[in-house]
N, C-alpha and C. Protein backbone atom coordinates (compact mmCIF):
# COMPACT_ATOMS: atom_id res chain seq x y z
N MET A 1 -5.00 -11.82 -16.51
CA MET A 1 -4.39 -10.32 -15.55
C MET A 1 -4.93 -9.63 -15.79
N ILE A 2 -5.29 -8.44 -14.97
CA ILE A 2 -5.68 -7.31 -15.37
C ILE A 2 -5.01 -6.48 -14.48
N ASN A 3 -4.03 -5.39 -15.42
CA ASN A 3 -3.78 -4.16 -15.16
C ASN A 3 -3.92 -2.80 -15.23
N ALA A 4 -5.11 -2.38 -14.09
CA ALA A 4 -5.64 -1.00 -14.50
C ALA A 4 -4.42 -0.39 -13.89
N PHE A 5 -5.06 0.80 -14.42
CA PHE A 5 -4.45 2.66 -14.25
C PHE A 5 -5.20 3.55 -14.37
N ALA A 6 -5.18 4.06 -13.59
CA ALA A 6 -5.96 5.88 -12.92
C ALA A 6 -4.74 6.42 -13.79
N LEU A 7 -5.35 7.93 -13.71
CA LEU A 7 -4.76 9.56 -13.97
C LEU A 7 -4.73 9.63 -12.50
N GLU A 8 -2.89 10.01 -12.31
CA GLU A 8 -2.86 11.22 -11.17
C GLU A 8 -2.12 11.72 -11.37
N ASP A 9 -2.54 12.78 -11.25
CA ASP A 9 -1.81 14.23 -12.09
C ASP A 9 -0.91 14.36 -13.55
N ALA A 10 -1.90 14.38 -14.21
CA ALA A 10 -1.76 13.56 -15.56
C ALA A 10 -0.96 12.35 -15.96
N ARG A 11 -0.38 11.75 -15.20
CA ARG A 11 -0.02 10.26 -14.93
C ARG A 11 -0.55 9.74 -14.95
N LEU A 12 -0.03 8.34 -15.70
CA LEU A 12 -0.96 6.69 -15.27
C LEU A 12 -0.29 6.33 -14.34
N VAL A 13 -1.17 6.56 -13.41
CA VAL A 13 -0.44 4.87 -12.43
C VAL A 13 -1.25 3.79 -12.19
N ARG A 14 -0.58 2.88 -11.92
CA ARG A 14 -1.15 1.56 -11.50
C ARG A 14 -2.11 1.36 -10.37
N ILE A 15 -3.22 1.21 -10.66
CA ILE A 15 -3.99 1.00 -9.14
C ILE A 15 -4.11 -0.63 -9.08
N ASP A 16 -4.56 -0.50 -7.61
CA ASP A 16 -4.68 -2.22 -7.49
C ASP A 16 -6.04 -2.67 -7.13
N GLU A 17 -6.40 -3.70 -7.36
CA GLU A 17 -8.08 -3.59 -8.21
C GLU A 17 -8.87 -4.29 -7.21
N SER A 18 -7.59 -4.30 -5.73
CA SER A 18 -8.51 -5.92 -4.98
C SER A 18 -8.77 -4.17 -4.05
N THR A 19 -8.28 -3.33 -3.74
CA THR A 19 -8.37 -1.85 -2.95
C THR A 19 -9.50 -1.23 -3.66
N GLU A 20 -9.09 -0.51 -4.80
CA GLU A 20 -9.45 -0.08 -5.67
C GLU A 20 -10.54 -0.19 -6.14
N PRO A 21 -11.90 0.49 -6.79
CA PRO A 21 -12.38 -0.04 -7.18
C PRO A 21 -12.19 0.11 -9.11
N LEU A 22 -12.46 -1.04 -10.37
CA LEU A 22 -11.31 -0.60 -11.33
C LEU A 22 -12.84 0.64 -11.72
N ASN A 23 -13.98 1.15 -11.49
CA ASN A 23 -14.59 1.91 -12.40
C ASN A 23 -13.68 3.40 -12.12
N THR A 24 -12.58 3.32 -11.14
CA THR A 24 -11.79 4.55 -11.39
C THR A 24 -10.45 4.76 -12.43
N ALA A 25 -10.12 3.53 -13.13
CA ALA A 25 -9.66 3.30 -14.06
C ALA A 25 -9.40 4.00 -15.39
N ILE A 26 -8.22 4.55 -16.05
CA ILE A 26 -8.94 5.01 -17.08
C ILE A 26 -8.33 4.29 -18.47
N TRP A 27 -7.48 2.98 -17.83
CA TRP A 27 -7.04 1.65 -19.28
C TRP A 27 -6.95 0.45 -18.15
N LEU A 28 -7.60 -0.23 -18.98
CA LEU A 28 -7.66 -1.67 -18.21
C LEU A 28 -7.79 -2.54 -19.21
N ASP A 29 -6.09 -2.93 -19.08
CA ASP A 29 -5.06 -3.52 -20.14
C ASP A 29 -4.85 -5.90 -19.55
N LEU A 30 -5.91 -6.14 -20.02
CA LEU A 30 -6.11 -7.18 -19.58
C LEU A 30 -5.25 -8.26 -20.69
N ILE A 31 -4.40 -9.08 -20.18
CA ILE A 31 -3.56 -10.52 -20.75
C ILE A 31 -3.72 -10.93 -20.12
N GLU A 32 -4.87 -12.81 -20.79
CA GLU A 32 -5.35 -13.65 -21.03
C GLU A 32 -5.89 -13.69 -19.89
N PRO A 33 -6.80 -12.91 -19.87
CA PRO A 33 -8.08 -12.50 -18.77
C PRO A 33 -8.58 -14.16 -18.27
N THR A 34 -8.76 -14.68 -17.50
CA THR A 34 -9.46 -15.62 -16.94
C THR A 34 -11.41 -15.37 -16.84
N VAL A 35 -11.63 -16.41 -16.91
CA VAL A 35 -13.21 -16.32 -16.80
C VAL A 35 -13.41 -15.85 -15.42
N GLU A 36 -13.63 -15.61 -14.46
CA GLU A 36 -13.68 -14.84 -13.42
C GLU A 36 -13.07 -13.52 -13.63
N GLU A 37 -12.00 -12.77 -14.27
CA GLU A 37 -11.41 -11.48 -14.48
C GLU A 37 -12.73 -11.21 -15.44
N ARG A 38 -13.05 -11.69 -16.57
CA ARG A 38 -13.98 -11.48 -17.68
C ARG A 38 -15.72 -10.97 -16.96
N GLU A 39 -16.10 -11.95 -15.94
CA GLU A 39 -17.64 -11.68 -15.26
C GLU A 39 -16.80 -10.33 -14.55
N THR A 40 -15.47 -10.35 -13.79
CA THR A 40 -15.81 -8.91 -12.66
C THR A 40 -15.71 -7.63 -14.16
N LEU A 41 -14.93 -7.89 -15.32
CA LEU A 41 -15.09 -6.77 -16.11
C LEU A 41 -17.10 -6.76 -16.46
N GLN A 42 -17.27 -7.58 -16.55
CA GLN A 42 -18.49 -7.48 -16.85
C GLN A 42 -19.89 -6.39 -15.74
N GLU A 43 -19.53 -7.03 -14.75
CA GLU A 43 -20.02 -6.80 -13.13
C GLU A 43 -19.91 -5.16 -12.54
N SER A 44 -18.96 -5.23 -12.81
CA SER A 44 -18.07 -3.66 -12.82
C SER A 44 -18.67 -2.94 -13.32
N LEU A 45 -18.35 -3.00 -14.43
CA LEU A 45 -17.91 -2.12 -16.32
C LEU A 45 -19.38 -2.18 -16.75
N GLY A 46 -19.62 -3.44 -17.00
CA GLY A 46 -21.10 -3.69 -18.32
C GLY A 46 -19.67 -4.05 -19.24
N GLN A 47 -18.65 -4.01 -19.43
CA GLN A 47 -18.14 -4.62 -20.40
C GLN A 47 -17.74 -5.70 -20.62
N SER A 48 -18.25 -5.94 -22.30
CA SER A 48 -17.79 -7.04 -22.35
C SER A 48 -16.63 -7.80 -23.25
N LEU A 49 -15.62 -8.63 -23.52
CA LEU A 49 -14.65 -8.59 -24.07
C LEU A 49 -14.63 -9.37 -25.21
N ALA A 50 -14.13 -8.84 -26.16
CA ALA A 50 -14.04 -10.06 -27.53
C ALA A 50 -13.32 -11.41 -27.11
N SER A 51 -13.67 -12.68 -27.56
CA SER A 51 -12.87 -14.09 -27.39
C SER A 51 -11.88 -13.73 -28.10
N PHE A 52 -10.97 -14.83 -27.69
CA PHE A 52 -9.67 -14.91 -28.36
C PHE A 52 -9.57 -15.45 -29.98
N LEU A 53 -10.94 -15.63 -30.36
CA LEU A 53 -11.24 -16.49 -31.71
C LEU A 53 -12.11 -14.81 -32.37
N GLU A 54 -12.28 -14.30 -31.80
CA GLU A 54 -13.00 -13.23 -32.73
C GLU A 54 -11.59 -11.70 -32.64
N LEU A 55 -10.41 -12.10 -31.66
CA LEU A 55 -9.21 -11.19 -32.30
C LEU A 55 -8.28 -12.25 -33.26
N GLU A 56 -8.09 -13.06 -33.03
CA GLU A 56 -7.38 -13.41 -34.51
C GLU A 56 -8.61 -13.39 -35.74
N ASP A 57 -9.48 -13.22 -36.26
CA ASP A 57 -10.16 -12.35 -37.00
C ASP A 57 -9.80 -11.74 -38.22
N ILE A 58 -9.18 -11.90 -39.36
CA ILE A 58 -8.42 -11.04 -39.62
C ILE A 58 -9.26 -9.75 -41.10
N GLU A 59 -10.29 -10.39 -40.82
CA GLU A 59 -11.55 -9.41 -41.44
C GLU A 59 -11.13 -8.18 -41.73
N ALA A 60 -11.61 -7.08 -42.80
CA ALA A 60 -10.85 -6.11 -42.35
C ALA A 60 -12.90 -5.32 -41.87
N SER A 61 -13.29 -5.99 -42.03
CA SER A 61 -15.09 -5.55 -41.06
C SER A 61 -14.98 -5.70 -39.65
N ALA A 62 -14.12 -6.65 -38.95
CA ALA A 62 -13.78 -7.24 -38.11
C ALA A 62 -12.60 -6.56 -37.17
N ARG A 63 -11.88 -5.09 -37.96
CA ARG A 63 -10.99 -4.83 -37.36
C ARG A 63 -10.83 -3.25 -36.79
N PHE A 64 -12.22 -3.30 -37.48
CA PHE A 64 -12.87 -1.94 -37.10
C PHE A 64 -14.39 -1.54 -37.00
N PHE A 65 -14.93 -1.14 -35.37
CA PHE A 65 -16.48 -1.45 -35.40
C PHE A 65 -17.33 -0.27 -34.18
N GLU A 66 -18.07 0.25 -34.59
CA GLU A 66 -18.37 1.33 -33.25
C GLU A 66 -19.83 0.18 -32.83
N ASP A 67 -20.14 -0.41 -31.68
CA ASP A 67 -21.37 -1.15 -31.42
C ASP A 67 -21.67 -0.25 -30.01
N GLU A 68 -23.11 -1.23 -29.59
CA GLU A 68 -23.45 -0.64 -28.10
C GLU A 68 -22.05 -1.02 -26.73
N ASP A 69 -21.18 -1.68 -26.94
CA ASP A 69 -19.81 -1.85 -26.43
C ASP A 69 -19.11 -0.80 -26.78
N GLY A 70 -18.75 -0.08 -27.21
CA GLY A 70 -17.45 0.74 -27.87
C GLY A 70 -17.12 0.94 -29.04
N LEU A 71 -16.29 1.64 -29.03
CA LEU A 71 -15.36 1.03 -30.48
C LEU A 71 -14.32 1.00 -30.60
N HIS A 72 -14.81 -0.63 -31.64
CA HIS A 72 -13.40 -1.51 -31.29
C HIS A 72 -12.58 -1.59 -32.59
N LEU A 73 -10.60 -1.65 -31.55
CA LEU A 73 -9.97 -2.36 -33.21
C LEU A 73 -9.33 -3.32 -32.91
N HIS A 74 -9.11 -4.76 -33.52
CA HIS A 74 -8.04 -5.15 -33.85
C HIS A 74 -6.84 -4.57 -34.27
N SER A 75 -5.89 -5.04 -34.10
CA SER A 75 -4.50 -4.32 -34.83
C SER A 75 -3.60 -5.28 -33.80
N PHE A 76 -2.23 -5.87 -35.27
CA PHE A 76 -1.62 -6.80 -34.43
C PHE A 76 0.06 -5.62 -34.39
N PHE A 77 0.90 -6.27 -33.11
CA PHE A 77 1.66 -6.17 -32.63
C PHE A 77 2.83 -6.89 -33.07
N TYR A 78 3.41 -6.66 -33.13
CA TYR A 78 4.97 -6.84 -33.93
C TYR A 78 5.74 -8.06 -32.20
N CYS A 79 6.08 -8.96 -32.75
CA CYS A 79 7.02 -9.45 -30.83
C CYS A 79 7.46 -10.71 -31.27
N GLU A 80 8.35 -11.20 -30.96
CA GLU A 80 9.05 -12.00 -31.32
C GLU A 80 8.94 -13.60 -30.60
N ASP A 81 8.74 -14.86 -30.86
CA ASP A 81 7.78 -15.85 -30.44
C ASP A 81 9.70 -16.48 -29.61
N GLU A 82 9.24 -17.64 -28.78
CA GLU A 82 10.14 -18.62 -27.90
C GLU A 82 11.64 -18.69 -27.99
N ASN A 83 11.74 -18.85 -29.63
CA ASN A 83 12.97 -18.96 -30.61
C ASN A 83 13.76 -17.61 -31.58
N ASP A 84 12.96 -16.24 -30.60
CA ASP A 84 13.73 -15.08 -31.02
C ASP A 84 13.41 -14.94 -33.05
N TYR A 85 11.82 -15.25 -32.92
CA TYR A 85 11.38 -15.52 -34.93
C TYR A 85 10.33 -13.63 -34.25
N ALA A 86 10.73 -13.30 -35.54
CA ALA A 86 9.57 -12.52 -35.59
C ALA A 86 8.67 -12.90 -35.89
N ASP A 87 7.29 -13.06 -34.90
CA ASP A 87 6.01 -13.35 -35.14
C ASP A 87 4.90 -11.66 -34.53
N LEU A 88 3.67 -12.16 -34.62
CA LEU A 88 2.43 -11.36 -34.55
C LEU A 88 1.90 -11.17 -33.37
N ALA A 89 1.36 -10.63 -32.81
CA ALA A 89 0.63 -10.92 -32.01
C ALA A 89 -0.83 -9.37 -32.20
N SER A 90 -1.88 -10.37 -31.69
CA SER A 90 -3.07 -9.80 -31.87
C SER A 90 -3.72 -9.03 -30.74
N VAL A 91 -4.10 -7.42 -30.97
CA VAL A 91 -4.56 -7.05 -29.37
C VAL A 91 -6.26 -6.26 -29.62
N ALA A 92 -7.15 -6.50 -29.18
CA ALA A 92 -8.33 -5.86 -29.34
C ALA A 92 -8.13 -4.60 -27.89
N PHE A 93 -8.57 -2.93 -28.88
CA PHE A 93 -8.73 -2.08 -28.23
C PHE A 93 -10.24 -2.12 -28.29
N THR A 94 -10.58 -1.28 -26.89
CA THR A 94 -12.24 -0.53 -27.11
C THR A 94 -12.32 0.42 -26.41
N VAL A 95 -12.63 1.41 -26.43
CA VAL A 95 -12.81 2.98 -25.81
C VAL A 95 -14.15 2.79 -25.76
N ARG A 96 -14.92 2.99 -24.70
CA ARG A 96 -16.04 2.94 -23.79
C ARG A 96 -15.70 3.84 -23.06
N ASP A 97 -17.15 4.73 -22.80
CA ASP A 97 -17.34 5.68 -21.22
C ASP A 97 -16.00 6.08 -20.92
N GLY A 98 -15.32 6.50 -21.74
CA GLY A 98 -14.08 7.02 -21.53
C GLY A 98 -12.77 6.04 -20.83
N ARG A 99 -13.19 4.77 -21.26
CA ARG A 99 -12.31 4.34 -20.51
C ARG A 99 -11.36 3.44 -21.75
N LEU A 100 -10.17 2.87 -22.20
CA LEU A 100 -9.09 2.39 -22.73
C LEU A 100 -9.09 0.63 -22.06
N PHE A 101 -9.73 -0.28 -23.19
CA PHE A 101 -9.79 -1.31 -22.95
C PHE A 101 -9.03 -2.38 -24.03
N THR A 102 -8.14 -3.14 -23.23
CA THR A 102 -7.12 -3.47 -24.15
C THR A 102 -6.69 -4.84 -23.84
N LEU A 103 -7.01 -5.71 -25.12
CA LEU A 103 -7.20 -7.83 -24.55
C LEU A 103 -6.37 -8.38 -25.51
N ARG A 104 -5.11 -8.82 -24.81
CA ARG A 104 -4.47 -9.37 -25.72
C ARG A 104 -4.20 -10.71 -24.76
N ASP A 105 -2.76 -11.95 -25.66
CA ASP A 105 -2.99 -12.82 -25.01
C ASP A 105 -1.44 -13.18 -24.52
N ARG A 106 -0.78 -12.46 -24.66
CA ARG A 106 0.78 -12.32 -24.14
C ARG A 106 1.55 -10.55 -24.03
N GLU A 107 2.50 -10.75 -23.11
CA GLU A 107 2.90 -9.58 -22.93
C GLU A 107 3.45 -9.03 -24.12
N LEU A 108 3.77 -7.98 -24.39
CA LEU A 108 4.16 -7.23 -25.49
C LEU A 108 4.88 -6.16 -25.00
N PRO A 109 6.57 -5.92 -26.24
CA PRO A 109 7.44 -5.12 -25.65
C PRO A 109 6.59 -3.48 -26.07
N ALA A 110 5.71 -3.56 -26.48
CA ALA A 110 5.24 -2.04 -27.27
C ALA A 110 4.84 -1.70 -25.95
N PHE A 111 3.88 -2.39 -25.49
CA PHE A 111 3.35 -2.28 -24.25
C PHE A 111 4.00 -1.67 -23.16
N ARG A 112 4.78 -2.55 -22.89
CA ARG A 112 5.98 -2.81 -21.75
C ARG A 112 6.57 -1.56 -21.58
N LEU A 113 7.05 -0.81 -23.37
CA LEU A 113 7.51 0.12 -23.18
C LEU A 113 6.91 1.48 -22.95
N TYR A 114 5.32 1.42 -23.68
CA TYR A 114 4.57 2.42 -23.20
C TYR A 114 4.15 2.36 -21.37
N ARG A 115 3.96 1.64 -20.68
CA ARG A 115 4.34 1.59 -19.41
C ARG A 115 5.66 1.83 -19.18
N MET A 116 7.04 2.22 -19.37
CA MET A 116 7.66 2.39 -18.43
C MET A 116 8.20 3.88 -18.47
N ARG A 117 7.44 4.55 -20.02
CA ARG A 117 7.86 5.44 -20.34
C ARG A 117 6.31 6.45 -19.44
N SER A 118 4.99 5.91 -19.25
CA SER A 118 4.56 6.67 -19.01
C SER A 118 4.45 7.01 -17.00
N ARG A 119 5.63 6.68 -16.87
CA ARG A 119 5.82 6.54 -15.18
C ARG A 119 6.09 8.43 -15.26
N ASN A 120 6.55 8.61 -16.68
CA ASN A 120 7.97 10.47 -16.65
C ASN A 120 7.00 11.01 -17.29
N GLN A 121 6.16 10.14 -17.77
CA GLN A 121 5.31 11.19 -19.33
C GLN A 121 3.69 11.91 -18.78
N ARG A 122 3.57 13.39 -18.63
CA ARG A 122 2.91 13.52 -18.53
C ARG A 122 1.12 13.76 -20.41
N LEU A 123 0.28 13.68 -19.76
CA LEU A 123 -0.79 12.84 -20.90
C LEU A 123 -1.11 14.42 -20.68
N ILE A 124 -1.28 15.13 -21.97
CA ILE A 124 -1.75 16.36 -21.80
C ILE A 124 -3.47 16.53 -21.75
N GLU A 125 -3.91 15.15 -23.28
CA GLU A 125 -5.83 15.40 -22.70
C GLU A 125 -6.22 14.82 -22.40
N CYS A 126 -5.20 13.52 -21.10
CA CYS A 126 -6.07 12.92 -20.22
C CYS A 126 -7.15 12.23 -20.81
N ASN A 127 -7.11 11.28 -21.71
CA ASN A 127 -8.76 10.59 -22.08
C ASN A 127 -8.00 9.46 -22.73
N SER A 128 -8.66 8.76 -23.18
CA SER A 128 -8.85 7.39 -23.29
C SER A 128 -8.21 7.56 -24.84
N TYR A 129 -8.59 8.07 -25.68
CA TYR A 129 -8.21 8.53 -26.85
C TYR A 129 -6.51 8.64 -27.22
N GLU A 130 -6.42 9.32 -26.12
CA GLU A 130 -4.88 10.09 -26.11
C GLU A 130 -4.08 8.70 -25.73
N LEU A 131 -4.65 8.10 -24.90
CA LEU A 131 -4.02 6.56 -24.39
C LEU A 131 -3.73 5.68 -25.78
N LEU A 132 -5.03 5.51 -26.56
CA LEU A 132 -4.93 4.65 -27.36
C LEU A 132 -4.15 5.59 -28.68
N LEU A 133 -3.82 6.48 -29.03
CA LEU A 133 -2.99 6.85 -29.94
C LEU A 133 -1.60 6.82 -29.11
N ASP A 134 -1.62 7.05 -28.28
CA ASP A 134 -0.09 7.15 -27.78
C ASP A 134 0.73 5.35 -27.57
N LEU A 135 -0.63 4.07 -27.94
CA LEU A 135 0.50 2.96 -27.92
C LEU A 135 0.39 2.68 -29.36
N PHE A 136 0.04 3.59 -29.61
CA PHE A 136 0.22 3.07 -31.39
C PHE A 136 1.36 4.09 -31.85
N GLU A 137 1.61 5.20 -31.34
CA GLU A 137 2.82 6.19 -31.64
C GLU A 137 3.84 4.38 -31.07
N THR A 138 3.95 4.20 -29.88
CA THR A 138 4.45 3.49 -29.18
C THR A 138 5.24 2.28 -30.02
N LYS A 139 3.76 1.85 -30.98
CA LYS A 139 3.59 0.58 -31.86
C LYS A 139 5.02 0.92 -33.35
N ILE A 140 4.59 2.34 -33.70
CA ILE A 140 4.97 2.45 -34.78
C ILE A 140 6.71 3.38 -34.53
N GLU A 141 7.06 3.17 -34.00
CA GLU A 141 8.63 3.62 -32.74
C GLU A 141 8.89 2.40 -32.46
N GLN A 142 8.37 1.35 -32.32
CA GLN A 142 9.06 -0.54 -31.65
C GLN A 142 9.47 -0.82 -33.47
N LEU A 143 8.34 -0.88 -34.64
CA LEU A 143 8.25 -1.13 -36.29
C LEU A 143 9.69 -0.78 -36.27
N ALA A 144 9.96 0.68 -36.06
CA ALA A 144 11.25 1.65 -36.73
C ALA A 144 12.15 0.69 -36.39
N ASP A 145 12.34 0.74 -35.22
CA ASP A 145 13.52 0.33 -34.51
C ASP A 145 13.84 -1.28 -35.56
N VAL A 146 12.60 -1.63 -35.28
CA VAL A 146 13.51 -3.38 -35.92
C VAL A 146 13.35 -3.08 -37.04
N ILE A 147 12.97 -2.30 -37.65
CA ILE A 147 13.34 -1.99 -39.51
C ILE A 147 15.04 -2.03 -39.77
N GLU A 148 15.09 -0.58 -38.54
CA GLU A 148 16.57 -0.36 -38.85
C GLU A 148 17.62 -1.48 -38.57
N ASN A 149 17.12 -2.12 -37.55
CA ASN A 149 18.17 -3.29 -37.09
C ASN A 149 18.36 -4.16 -38.12
N VAL A 150 16.86 -4.51 -39.11
CA VAL A 150 16.99 -5.62 -39.96
C VAL A 150 18.00 -5.02 -41.53
N TYR A 151 17.43 -4.05 -41.42
CA TYR A 151 18.99 -3.19 -42.44
C TYR A 151 20.72 -2.63 -42.09
N ALA A 152 20.55 -2.63 -40.89
CA ALA A 152 22.15 -2.96 -40.35
C ALA A 152 22.33 -4.47 -39.93
N ASP A 153 21.84 -5.46 -40.24
CA ASP A 153 21.67 -6.68 -40.43
C ASP A 153 22.46 -6.97 -42.04
N LEU A 154 21.47 -6.51 -42.97
CA LEU A 154 21.62 -6.94 -44.25
C LEU A 154 23.03 -6.03 -44.49
N GLU A 155 23.30 -4.83 -43.95
CA GLU A 155 24.62 -3.91 -43.94
C GLU A 155 25.68 -4.53 -44.01
N ASN A 156 25.67 -5.57 -42.94
CA ASN A 156 26.66 -6.52 -42.24
C ASN A 156 26.82 -7.43 -43.35
């Protein structure tokens, strides 16, 4: 699935890729993209994406690098599995040509929270790096909440 967002009055707004071209998007958030969606990104924006095998690579050299396809970061995000146990999901971030591409294999609470907040929050710099940093800020807030909840459970 491709979730595409553009800037309108310094706010993120979701765009419909069937009616608006993807090149108007500042953020393309991909959740388990199909082969066709990957091809669409390659054809319309010239952007290739990491494979899910590459996404799981935990070596330090694979988590941050820059090449002709942009600046790449891979990071783990906290989530819960189907049994409500703590789990991690890997997310690939790519910044290229003023756009942020995020690639993951499932919906994540930090991303859902960021999308909800962004409806009412104006961006200051209005660029892809600000989006990247905002997502990491949301991740840190979520981790702090999880730690607080664990601490509260341990106190009881």
